[in-house]
N, C-alpha and C. Protein backbone atom coordinates (compact mmCIF):
# COMPACT_ATOMS: atom_id res chain seq x y z
N MET A 1 -53.69 -28.59 25.97
CA MET A 1 -53.28 -28.52 24.63
C MET A 1 -52.25 -27.43 24.37
N PHE A 2 -52.45 -26.24 24.94
CA PHE A 2 -51.50 -25.14 24.71
C PHE A 2 -50.17 -25.53 25.34
N GLY A 3 -50.05 -26.20 26.41
CA GLY A 3 -48.86 -26.59 27.06
C GLY A 3 -48.06 -27.57 26.21
N LYS A 4 -48.72 -28.60 25.59
CA LYS A 4 -48.08 -29.48 24.64
C LYS A 4 -47.52 -28.71 23.41
N MET A 5 -48.29 -27.84 22.93
CA MET A 5 -47.93 -27.06 21.75
C MET A 5 -46.73 -26.18 22.12
N LYS A 6 -46.70 -25.58 23.28
CA LYS A 6 -45.56 -24.72 23.79
C LYS A 6 -44.30 -25.55 23.82
N HIS A 7 -44.41 -26.81 24.30
CA HIS A 7 -43.23 -27.65 24.40
C HIS A 7 -42.72 -28.12 23.00
N LEU A 8 -43.66 -28.40 22.12
CA LEU A 8 -43.36 -28.73 20.79
C LEU A 8 -42.62 -27.64 20.02
N LEU A 9 -43.11 -26.42 20.27
CA LEU A 9 -42.54 -25.22 19.64
C LEU A 9 -41.18 -24.90 20.27
N ALA A 10 -40.94 -25.21 21.50
CA ALA A 10 -39.64 -25.07 22.08
C ALA A 10 -38.65 -26.04 21.56
N ILE A 11 -39.11 -27.37 21.34
CA ILE A 11 -38.25 -28.32 20.83
C ILE A 11 -37.94 -28.02 19.40
N ALA A 12 -38.83 -27.57 18.59
CA ALA A 12 -38.67 -27.18 17.25
C ALA A 12 -37.60 -26.05 17.11
N LEU A 13 -37.73 -25.09 18.00
CA LEU A 13 -36.81 -23.96 18.00
C LEU A 13 -35.43 -24.47 18.39
N LEU A 14 -35.29 -25.31 19.36
CA LEU A 14 -34.06 -25.86 19.79
C LEU A 14 -33.39 -26.71 18.65
N LEU A 15 -34.20 -27.55 17.99
CA LEU A 15 -33.64 -28.34 16.90
C LEU A 15 -33.13 -27.46 15.77
N SER A 16 -33.86 -26.37 15.45
CA SER A 16 -33.45 -25.48 14.37
C SER A 16 -32.12 -24.80 14.76
N LEU A 17 -31.97 -24.38 16.00
CA LEU A 17 -30.74 -23.75 16.48
C LEU A 17 -29.65 -24.75 16.39
N CYS A 18 -29.88 -25.95 16.84
CA CYS A 18 -28.79 -27.06 16.81
C CYS A 18 -28.42 -27.37 15.45
N GLY A 19 -29.43 -27.36 14.49
CA GLY A 19 -29.07 -27.53 13.11
C GLY A 19 -28.15 -26.56 12.50
N CYS A 20 -28.22 -25.27 12.85
CA CYS A 20 -27.35 -24.24 12.34
C CYS A 20 -25.97 -24.50 12.91
N THR A 21 -25.84 -24.87 14.18
CA THR A 21 -24.54 -25.09 14.75
C THR A 21 -23.93 -26.36 14.17
N SER A 22 -24.63 -27.44 14.02
CA SER A 22 -24.14 -28.61 13.39
C SER A 22 -23.81 -28.43 11.99
N GLN A 23 -24.44 -27.54 11.21
CA GLN A 23 -24.16 -27.25 9.83
C GLN A 23 -22.71 -26.58 9.85
N GLU A 24 -22.61 -25.61 10.74
CA GLU A 24 -21.25 -24.92 10.78
C GLU A 24 -20.15 -25.91 11.23
N GLU A 25 -20.48 -26.79 12.20
CA GLU A 25 -19.50 -27.73 12.60
C GLU A 25 -19.13 -28.71 11.54
N ARG A 26 -20.16 -29.18 10.71
CA ARG A 26 -19.86 -29.96 9.59
C ARG A 26 -18.93 -29.25 8.59
N PHE A 27 -19.23 -27.99 8.34
CA PHE A 27 -18.39 -27.21 7.51
C PHE A 27 -16.95 -27.15 8.03
N ARG A 28 -16.76 -26.86 9.30
CA ARG A 28 -15.40 -26.86 9.81
C ARG A 28 -14.66 -28.13 9.80
N ARG A 29 -15.43 -29.20 10.09
CA ARG A 29 -14.86 -30.59 9.90
C ARG A 29 -14.42 -30.85 8.50
N ASP A 30 -15.28 -30.53 7.56
CA ASP A 30 -14.95 -30.74 6.10
C ASP A 30 -13.68 -29.89 5.73
N MET A 31 -13.62 -28.70 6.22
CA MET A 31 -12.49 -27.88 5.90
C MET A 31 -11.22 -28.41 6.48
N GLN A 32 -11.25 -29.03 7.62
CA GLN A 32 -10.11 -29.65 8.22
C GLN A 32 -9.69 -30.91 7.44
N GLN A 33 -10.67 -31.73 7.21
CA GLN A 33 -10.43 -33.10 6.56
C GLN A 33 -10.18 -32.99 5.06
N ARG A 34 -10.80 -32.04 4.39
CA ARG A 34 -10.67 -32.02 2.91
C ARG A 34 -9.85 -30.81 2.48
N TYR A 35 -10.26 -29.64 2.80
CA TYR A 35 -9.53 -28.51 2.33
C TYR A 35 -8.12 -28.35 2.90
N GLU A 36 -7.94 -28.42 4.15
CA GLU A 36 -6.61 -28.33 4.81
C GLU A 36 -5.70 -29.46 4.27
N ALA A 37 -6.27 -30.69 4.26
CA ALA A 37 -5.51 -31.88 3.83
C ALA A 37 -5.05 -31.63 2.38
N THR A 38 -5.91 -31.16 1.47
CA THR A 38 -5.48 -30.91 0.10
C THR A 38 -4.45 -29.84 -0.01
N CYS A 39 -4.57 -28.74 0.74
CA CYS A 39 -3.55 -27.69 0.79
C CYS A 39 -2.24 -28.19 1.36
N ASP A 40 -2.30 -29.03 2.34
CA ASP A 40 -1.08 -29.64 2.94
C ASP A 40 -0.39 -30.54 1.88
N HIS A 41 -1.17 -31.30 1.09
CA HIS A 41 -0.63 -32.09 0.05
C HIS A 41 0.14 -31.17 -0.97
N TYR A 42 -0.59 -30.10 -1.44
CA TYR A 42 0.04 -29.17 -2.37
C TYR A 42 1.40 -28.58 -1.80
N PHE A 43 1.26 -28.25 -0.47
CA PHE A 43 2.41 -27.66 0.18
C PHE A 43 3.58 -28.61 0.18
N SER A 44 3.34 -29.89 0.48
CA SER A 44 4.47 -30.84 0.47
C SER A 44 5.06 -31.04 -0.92
N ILE A 45 4.25 -30.85 -1.98
CA ILE A 45 4.79 -30.83 -3.33
C ILE A 45 5.62 -29.53 -3.51
N TYR A 46 5.19 -28.41 -3.03
CA TYR A 46 5.98 -27.20 -3.11
C TYR A 46 7.29 -27.39 -2.40
N ALA A 47 7.30 -27.97 -1.26
CA ALA A 47 8.55 -28.14 -0.50
C ALA A 47 9.52 -29.09 -1.03
N SER A 48 9.01 -30.08 -1.85
CA SER A 48 9.89 -31.10 -2.30
C SER A 48 10.21 -31.06 -3.81
N SER A 49 9.74 -29.99 -4.51
CA SER A 49 9.90 -29.93 -5.89
C SER A 49 11.02 -28.88 -6.29
N ASP A 50 11.28 -28.94 -7.59
CA ASP A 50 12.14 -27.91 -8.22
C ASP A 50 11.33 -26.65 -8.33
N ARG A 51 11.80 -25.55 -8.92
CA ARG A 51 11.17 -24.29 -9.04
C ARG A 51 9.81 -24.45 -9.78
N ASP A 52 9.85 -25.09 -10.94
CA ASP A 52 8.61 -25.26 -11.70
C ASP A 52 7.49 -25.96 -10.87
N GLY A 53 7.89 -27.12 -10.22
CA GLY A 53 7.00 -27.83 -9.44
C GLY A 53 6.46 -27.06 -8.24
N ALA A 54 7.38 -26.23 -7.66
CA ALA A 54 6.98 -25.39 -6.46
C ALA A 54 5.96 -24.35 -6.95
N LYS A 55 6.23 -23.67 -8.14
CA LYS A 55 5.33 -22.77 -8.62
C LYS A 55 3.88 -23.32 -8.97
N LYS A 56 3.94 -24.51 -9.55
CA LYS A 56 2.74 -25.20 -9.88
C LYS A 56 1.91 -25.56 -8.63
N ALA A 57 2.58 -26.07 -7.63
CA ALA A 57 1.92 -26.43 -6.34
C ALA A 57 1.29 -25.19 -5.69
N LEU A 58 2.00 -24.09 -5.64
CA LEU A 58 1.50 -22.86 -5.05
C LEU A 58 0.32 -22.35 -5.84
N GLY A 59 0.41 -22.47 -7.14
CA GLY A 59 -0.74 -22.00 -8.02
C GLY A 59 -2.00 -22.86 -7.77
N GLN A 60 -1.73 -24.21 -7.47
CA GLN A 60 -2.85 -25.10 -7.17
C GLN A 60 -3.55 -24.69 -5.81
N ILE A 61 -2.72 -24.25 -4.89
CA ILE A 61 -3.23 -23.81 -3.56
C ILE A 61 -4.17 -22.56 -3.83
N VAL A 62 -3.64 -21.65 -4.59
CA VAL A 62 -4.45 -20.40 -4.88
C VAL A 62 -5.66 -20.76 -5.64
N ASP A 63 -5.59 -21.57 -6.63
CA ASP A 63 -6.84 -21.88 -7.36
C ASP A 63 -7.83 -22.65 -6.64
N PHE A 64 -7.37 -23.58 -5.79
CA PHE A 64 -8.22 -24.43 -4.93
C PHE A 64 -8.91 -23.57 -3.93
N SER A 65 -8.13 -22.72 -3.30
CA SER A 65 -8.63 -21.80 -2.26
C SER A 65 -9.72 -20.83 -2.80
N LEU A 66 -9.46 -20.27 -3.96
CA LEU A 66 -10.41 -19.38 -4.56
C LEU A 66 -11.75 -20.12 -4.89
N SER A 67 -11.63 -21.34 -5.34
CA SER A 67 -12.78 -22.12 -5.65
C SER A 67 -13.61 -22.43 -4.42
N GLU A 68 -12.91 -22.91 -3.39
CA GLU A 68 -13.53 -23.26 -2.14
C GLU A 68 -14.17 -21.98 -1.48
N ARG A 69 -13.47 -20.86 -1.54
CA ARG A 69 -13.93 -19.63 -0.98
C ARG A 69 -15.24 -19.20 -1.59
N GLU A 70 -15.40 -19.41 -2.83
CA GLU A 70 -16.62 -19.05 -3.57
C GLU A 70 -17.87 -19.90 -3.12
N GLN A 71 -17.53 -21.10 -2.73
CA GLN A 71 -18.60 -22.05 -2.36
C GLN A 71 -18.95 -22.01 -0.81
N ALA A 72 -18.02 -21.45 -0.01
CA ALA A 72 -18.13 -21.48 1.43
C ALA A 72 -19.31 -20.67 1.89
N LYS A 73 -20.02 -21.26 2.93
CA LYS A 73 -21.07 -20.61 3.64
C LYS A 73 -20.62 -20.04 4.97
N HIS A 74 -19.43 -20.36 5.36
CA HIS A 74 -18.96 -19.87 6.63
C HIS A 74 -17.50 -19.39 6.46
N TYR A 75 -17.05 -18.74 7.49
CA TYR A 75 -15.64 -18.18 7.44
C TYR A 75 -14.55 -19.40 7.41
N TRP A 76 -13.55 -19.26 6.71
CA TRP A 76 -12.35 -20.04 6.71
C TRP A 76 -11.19 -19.24 6.34
N ARG A 77 -10.01 -19.55 6.53
CA ARG A 77 -8.87 -18.75 6.26
C ARG A 77 -8.32 -18.87 4.80
N PHE A 78 -9.18 -18.88 3.82
CA PHE A 78 -8.80 -19.05 2.41
C PHE A 78 -7.83 -17.93 2.05
N ASN A 79 -8.18 -16.62 2.41
CA ASN A 79 -7.32 -15.58 1.92
C ASN A 79 -5.94 -15.60 2.53
N LEU A 80 -5.84 -16.14 3.75
CA LEU A 80 -4.47 -16.29 4.37
C LEU A 80 -3.61 -17.23 3.53
N LEU A 81 -4.15 -18.33 3.17
CA LEU A 81 -3.36 -19.33 2.37
C LEU A 81 -3.02 -18.77 0.98
N ILE A 82 -3.96 -18.04 0.35
CA ILE A 82 -3.69 -17.37 -0.96
C ILE A 82 -2.62 -16.35 -0.72
N ALA A 83 -2.68 -15.50 0.29
CA ALA A 83 -1.67 -14.48 0.50
C ALA A 83 -0.26 -15.11 0.63
N TYR A 84 -0.11 -16.12 1.46
CA TYR A 84 1.22 -16.67 1.67
C TYR A 84 1.67 -17.46 0.43
N SER A 85 0.76 -18.02 -0.27
CA SER A 85 1.11 -18.67 -1.55
C SER A 85 1.67 -17.69 -2.55
N GLN A 86 0.96 -16.54 -2.63
CA GLN A 86 1.43 -15.55 -3.62
C GLN A 86 2.69 -14.90 -3.15
N ALA A 87 2.90 -14.73 -1.83
CA ALA A 87 4.13 -14.18 -1.40
C ALA A 87 5.32 -15.20 -1.68
N ARG A 88 5.08 -16.46 -1.58
CA ARG A 88 6.08 -17.44 -1.95
C ARG A 88 6.38 -17.39 -3.45
N LEU A 89 5.33 -17.27 -4.28
CA LEU A 89 5.49 -17.11 -5.65
C LEU A 89 6.34 -15.81 -6.03
N ALA A 90 6.10 -14.80 -5.26
CA ALA A 90 6.90 -13.54 -5.45
C ALA A 90 8.38 -13.82 -5.13
N VAL A 91 8.59 -14.50 -4.07
CA VAL A 91 10.00 -14.85 -3.70
C VAL A 91 10.68 -15.63 -4.83
N ILE A 92 9.98 -16.59 -5.44
CA ILE A 92 10.50 -17.30 -6.55
C ILE A 92 10.68 -16.44 -7.79
N ALA A 93 9.74 -15.59 -8.04
CA ALA A 93 9.88 -14.70 -9.17
C ALA A 93 11.21 -13.78 -8.98
N GLU A 94 11.42 -13.34 -7.76
CA GLU A 94 12.60 -12.57 -7.48
C GLU A 94 13.85 -13.39 -7.70
N SER A 95 13.80 -14.64 -7.26
CA SER A 95 14.98 -15.45 -7.46
C SER A 95 15.31 -15.72 -8.88
N GLU A 96 14.25 -15.57 -9.71
CA GLU A 96 14.43 -15.79 -11.21
C GLU A 96 14.82 -14.51 -11.90
N GLY A 97 14.84 -13.37 -11.12
CA GLY A 97 15.13 -12.12 -11.71
C GLY A 97 13.96 -11.38 -12.31
N ASN A 98 12.75 -11.84 -11.97
CA ASN A 98 11.50 -11.27 -12.54
C ASN A 98 10.92 -10.32 -11.53
N ARG A 99 11.48 -9.09 -11.46
CA ARG A 99 11.14 -8.04 -10.43
C ARG A 99 9.69 -7.57 -10.67
N GLU A 100 9.29 -7.36 -11.90
CA GLU A 100 7.90 -6.85 -12.06
C GLU A 100 6.85 -7.86 -11.61
N GLU A 101 7.07 -9.14 -11.95
CA GLU A 101 6.15 -10.21 -11.48
C GLU A 101 6.18 -10.31 -10.00
N ALA A 102 7.34 -10.21 -9.34
CA ALA A 102 7.52 -10.21 -7.91
C ALA A 102 6.71 -9.14 -7.27
N GLU A 103 6.88 -7.96 -7.82
CA GLU A 103 6.07 -6.76 -7.26
C GLU A 103 4.68 -6.95 -7.37
N ARG A 104 4.17 -7.52 -8.54
CA ARG A 104 2.78 -7.70 -8.69
C ARG A 104 2.22 -8.70 -7.73
N LEU A 105 2.99 -9.81 -7.45
CA LEU A 105 2.59 -10.85 -6.60
C LEU A 105 2.65 -10.40 -5.12
N PHE A 106 3.65 -9.61 -4.76
CA PHE A 106 3.75 -9.03 -3.35
C PHE A 106 2.43 -8.18 -3.16
N ALA A 107 2.15 -7.39 -4.14
CA ALA A 107 0.96 -6.44 -3.97
C ALA A 107 -0.32 -7.26 -3.86
N SER A 108 -0.43 -8.30 -4.66
CA SER A 108 -1.61 -9.18 -4.62
C SER A 108 -1.70 -9.90 -3.25
N ALA A 109 -0.60 -10.41 -2.82
CA ALA A 109 -0.49 -11.04 -1.48
C ALA A 109 -1.07 -10.13 -0.36
N SER A 110 -0.66 -8.92 -0.46
CA SER A 110 -1.06 -7.91 0.54
C SER A 110 -2.50 -7.58 0.41
N ASP A 111 -3.03 -7.55 -0.84
CA ASP A 111 -4.49 -7.34 -0.95
C ASP A 111 -5.26 -8.60 -0.28
N TYR A 112 -4.75 -9.78 -0.42
CA TYR A 112 -5.45 -10.94 0.12
C TYR A 112 -5.27 -10.87 1.64
N MET A 113 -4.11 -10.39 2.16
CA MET A 113 -4.01 -10.25 3.61
C MET A 113 -4.97 -9.23 4.21
N VAL A 114 -5.23 -8.19 3.43
CA VAL A 114 -6.26 -7.21 3.85
C VAL A 114 -7.59 -7.89 3.91
N LEU A 115 -7.96 -8.69 2.87
CA LEU A 115 -9.19 -9.44 2.92
C LEU A 115 -9.25 -10.36 4.05
N GLN A 116 -8.15 -11.07 4.35
CA GLN A 116 -8.09 -11.98 5.50
C GLN A 116 -8.36 -11.22 6.77
N ASN A 117 -7.72 -10.06 6.92
CA ASN A 117 -7.92 -9.25 8.14
C ASN A 117 -9.42 -8.83 8.30
N ARG A 118 -10.00 -8.37 7.19
CA ARG A 118 -11.40 -8.02 7.29
C ARG A 118 -12.36 -9.19 7.58
N THR A 119 -12.24 -10.35 6.88
CA THR A 119 -13.12 -11.46 7.14
C THR A 119 -12.89 -12.04 8.59
N PHE A 120 -11.64 -12.12 8.99
CA PHE A 120 -11.40 -12.64 10.30
C PHE A 120 -11.95 -11.70 11.41
N SER A 121 -11.86 -10.37 11.17
CA SER A 121 -12.47 -9.46 12.10
C SER A 121 -13.97 -9.64 12.17
N GLN A 122 -14.53 -9.85 10.97
CA GLN A 122 -16.03 -10.08 10.91
C GLN A 122 -16.41 -11.29 11.64
N GLU A 123 -15.59 -12.35 11.50
CA GLU A 123 -15.91 -13.63 12.13
C GLU A 123 -15.75 -13.48 13.63
N CYS A 124 -14.72 -12.72 14.14
CA CYS A 124 -14.53 -12.50 15.56
C CYS A 124 -15.75 -11.70 16.13
N ARG A 125 -16.20 -10.75 15.45
CA ARG A 125 -17.37 -9.94 15.91
C ARG A 125 -18.62 -10.87 15.94
N ARG A 126 -18.80 -11.74 14.92
CA ARG A 126 -19.93 -12.63 14.85
C ARG A 126 -19.94 -13.57 16.01
N THR A 127 -18.82 -14.13 16.31
CA THR A 127 -18.66 -15.16 17.32
C THR A 127 -18.32 -14.56 18.75
N HIS A 128 -18.32 -13.17 18.82
CA HIS A 128 -18.09 -12.53 20.13
C HIS A 128 -16.65 -12.76 20.71
N VAL A 129 -15.65 -12.92 19.79
CA VAL A 129 -14.29 -13.12 20.19
C VAL A 129 -13.63 -11.76 20.23
N ASN A 130 -13.01 -11.46 21.27
CA ASN A 130 -12.37 -10.11 21.42
C ASN A 130 -10.98 -10.22 20.93
N ARG A 131 -10.67 -9.38 19.92
CA ARG A 131 -9.32 -9.36 19.27
C ARG A 131 -9.04 -7.92 18.81
N PRO A 132 -7.75 -7.56 18.81
CA PRO A 132 -7.47 -6.23 18.33
C PRO A 132 -7.85 -6.00 16.85
N GLU A 133 -8.31 -4.88 16.57
CA GLU A 133 -8.68 -4.55 15.14
C GLU A 133 -7.44 -3.95 14.49
N TYR A 134 -7.22 -4.32 13.25
CA TYR A 134 -6.05 -3.78 12.48
C TYR A 134 -6.54 -3.08 11.26
N SER A 135 -6.03 -1.91 10.95
CA SER A 135 -6.51 -1.20 9.76
C SER A 135 -5.93 -1.94 8.53
N ASP A 136 -6.53 -1.58 7.38
CA ASP A 136 -6.03 -2.17 6.10
C ASP A 136 -4.60 -1.87 5.86
N ALA A 137 -4.16 -0.60 6.30
CA ALA A 137 -2.71 -0.30 6.13
C ALA A 137 -1.86 -1.08 7.00
N GLU A 138 -2.29 -1.53 8.17
CA GLU A 138 -1.47 -2.39 9.05
C GLU A 138 -1.45 -3.88 8.53
N ALA A 139 -2.52 -4.25 7.84
CA ALA A 139 -2.64 -5.68 7.27
C ALA A 139 -1.89 -5.75 6.00
N ARG A 140 -1.58 -4.60 5.32
CA ARG A 140 -0.91 -4.59 4.04
C ARG A 140 0.60 -4.69 4.24
N PHE A 141 1.21 -5.88 4.01
CA PHE A 141 2.60 -6.08 4.25
C PHE A 141 3.43 -5.48 3.11
N THR A 142 4.62 -5.02 3.47
CA THR A 142 5.60 -4.51 2.45
C THR A 142 6.28 -5.79 1.90
N PRO A 143 6.86 -5.58 0.71
CA PRO A 143 7.65 -6.78 0.18
C PRO A 143 8.78 -7.23 1.21
N ASP A 144 9.43 -6.31 1.90
CA ASP A 144 10.40 -6.73 2.89
C ASP A 144 9.81 -7.59 4.01
N ARG A 145 8.59 -7.15 4.39
CA ARG A 145 7.99 -7.95 5.48
C ARG A 145 7.56 -9.34 4.97
N TRP A 146 7.04 -9.40 3.67
CA TRP A 146 6.73 -10.66 3.16
C TRP A 146 7.96 -11.56 3.06
N ARG A 147 9.07 -10.99 2.53
CA ARG A 147 10.30 -11.79 2.44
C ARG A 147 10.69 -12.30 3.71
N HIS A 148 10.69 -11.47 4.75
CA HIS A 148 11.07 -11.85 6.16
C HIS A 148 10.14 -12.94 6.63
N ASN A 149 8.75 -12.82 6.48
CA ASN A 149 7.81 -13.81 6.92
C ASN A 149 8.07 -15.18 6.27
N VAL A 150 8.26 -15.09 4.94
CA VAL A 150 8.42 -16.37 4.20
C VAL A 150 9.71 -17.05 4.62
N GLU A 151 10.77 -16.24 4.82
CA GLU A 151 12.07 -16.77 5.26
C GLU A 151 11.96 -17.39 6.63
N ALA A 152 11.20 -16.68 7.53
CA ALA A 152 11.04 -17.21 8.91
C ALA A 152 10.25 -18.56 8.86
N LEU A 153 9.23 -18.60 8.03
CA LEU A 153 8.40 -19.87 7.95
C LEU A 153 9.26 -20.92 7.26
N ASP A 154 10.11 -20.58 6.36
CA ASP A 154 10.87 -21.52 5.56
C ASP A 154 12.00 -22.14 6.42
N GLN A 155 12.14 -21.83 7.73
CA GLN A 155 13.17 -22.38 8.51
C GLN A 155 12.83 -23.82 9.04
N LYS A 156 11.57 -24.20 8.73
CA LYS A 156 11.18 -25.50 9.36
C LYS A 156 11.11 -26.66 8.35
N GLU A 157 11.09 -26.35 7.06
CA GLU A 157 11.02 -27.46 6.02
C GLU A 157 12.14 -27.24 5.10
N ASN A 158 12.67 -28.30 4.57
CA ASN A 158 13.76 -28.24 3.60
C ASN A 158 13.09 -28.11 2.21
N VAL A 159 13.12 -26.91 1.66
CA VAL A 159 12.50 -26.65 0.36
C VAL A 159 13.50 -26.90 -0.74
N LYS A 160 13.22 -27.82 -1.60
CA LYS A 160 14.11 -28.34 -2.61
C LYS A 160 14.49 -27.23 -3.62
N TRP A 161 13.50 -26.42 -4.09
CA TRP A 161 13.88 -25.41 -5.08
C TRP A 161 14.86 -24.38 -4.59
N LYS A 162 15.03 -24.20 -3.33
CA LYS A 162 15.96 -23.23 -2.69
C LYS A 162 17.35 -23.81 -2.43
N GLU A 163 17.58 -25.14 -2.66
CA GLU A 163 18.81 -25.72 -2.37
C GLU A 163 19.86 -25.27 -3.39
N PRO A 164 21.07 -25.07 -3.02
CA PRO A 164 22.14 -24.67 -3.95
C PRO A 164 22.29 -25.86 -4.93
N GLN A 165 22.48 -25.40 -6.22
CA GLN A 165 22.69 -26.38 -7.29
C GLN A 165 24.22 -26.19 -7.79
N GLY A 166 24.89 -27.32 -7.80
CA GLY A 166 26.27 -27.28 -8.34
C GLY A 166 27.19 -26.30 -7.60
N GLY A 167 26.97 -26.11 -6.33
CA GLY A 167 27.82 -25.19 -5.53
C GLY A 167 27.43 -23.76 -5.56
N ALA A 168 26.48 -23.40 -6.43
CA ALA A 168 26.08 -21.97 -6.53
C ALA A 168 25.03 -21.75 -5.44
N ASN A 169 24.91 -20.55 -5.07
CA ASN A 169 23.95 -20.19 -4.07
C ASN A 169 22.56 -19.91 -4.80
N TRP A 170 22.09 -20.91 -5.42
CA TRP A 170 20.93 -20.87 -6.28
C TRP A 170 19.64 -20.59 -5.61
N GLY A 171 19.07 -19.42 -5.85
CA GLY A 171 17.77 -19.10 -5.26
C GLY A 171 17.78 -18.54 -3.87
N GLN A 172 18.96 -18.29 -3.33
CA GLN A 172 19.05 -17.87 -1.96
C GLN A 172 19.69 -16.46 -1.89
N PRO A 173 19.22 -15.64 -1.04
CA PRO A 173 19.80 -14.37 -0.86
C PRO A 173 21.27 -14.59 -0.28
N SER A 174 22.11 -13.71 -0.64
CA SER A 174 23.53 -13.76 -0.11
C SER A 174 23.56 -13.76 1.40
N GLY A 175 24.34 -14.72 1.94
CA GLY A 175 24.53 -14.77 3.35
C GLY A 175 23.39 -15.55 4.17
N SER A 176 22.44 -16.04 3.40
CA SER A 176 21.38 -16.78 4.17
C SER A 176 21.72 -18.25 4.33
N GLY A 177 21.16 -18.88 5.28
CA GLY A 177 21.43 -20.31 5.50
C GLY A 177 20.44 -21.08 4.62
N THR A 178 20.34 -22.41 4.83
CA THR A 178 19.35 -23.17 4.06
C THR A 178 17.99 -22.74 4.41
N ASN A 179 17.21 -22.48 3.39
CA ASN A 179 15.84 -22.05 3.59
C ASN A 179 14.98 -23.27 3.77
N ARG A 180 13.87 -23.07 4.56
CA ARG A 180 12.90 -24.12 4.78
C ARG A 180 11.54 -23.51 4.81
N THR A 181 10.54 -24.35 4.50
CA THR A 181 9.14 -23.75 4.51
C THR A 181 8.27 -24.64 5.46
N SER A 182 7.42 -23.92 6.10
CA SER A 182 6.51 -24.55 7.08
C SER A 182 5.08 -24.45 6.71
N ALA A 183 4.46 -25.55 6.43
CA ALA A 183 3.05 -25.51 6.13
C ALA A 183 2.24 -25.06 7.40
N ALA A 184 2.72 -25.54 8.54
CA ALA A 184 2.01 -25.21 9.77
C ALA A 184 2.13 -23.69 10.03
N GLY A 185 3.25 -23.12 9.80
CA GLY A 185 3.48 -21.69 10.09
C GLY A 185 2.70 -20.86 9.20
N SER A 186 2.46 -21.18 7.99
CA SER A 186 1.76 -20.30 7.06
C SER A 186 0.27 -20.50 7.11
N ARG A 187 -0.19 -21.54 7.70
CA ARG A 187 -1.66 -21.77 7.67
C ARG A 187 -2.23 -21.94 9.02
N ARG A 188 -1.47 -21.97 10.07
CA ARG A 188 -2.12 -22.29 11.40
C ARG A 188 -1.82 -21.18 12.31
């Protein structure tokens, strides 16, 4: 009798452990199929829209990510997508001459990057993945670094709001080539 009970207990323990892993796997699969696909959709709108459409799409990524993050039971890179969306919004604000809004957005993007660094570090420790630890100061990007990162990512997609209008260098820093945005670069 004790031998059968021991086997049943071992099976129950194994099933409970597998249930935790499969719950996390279902979460990851859902994030790939639903969350990432939705953000990719909003990103394609950002890349193909005028400034107002681009700002709206980036705002939708931020709002959707915040909502999903509040409901999430496991780690995902919500803060990273929020950070890069806000950095892109800051670049748009600068192109419109709204320096105060750009500064606020760059600072907020850096705050989310710090949160990303912390949550990713916790996830790495939880899953026993060895990675270098970065301080909050190292994770907090300067506006120049944000501008550079966004510009580097924007080399892969043709972002409509950055295109010159009527021969003017509309929305582009002096001397830059055509800007492009990469969904893959900012989120993967």
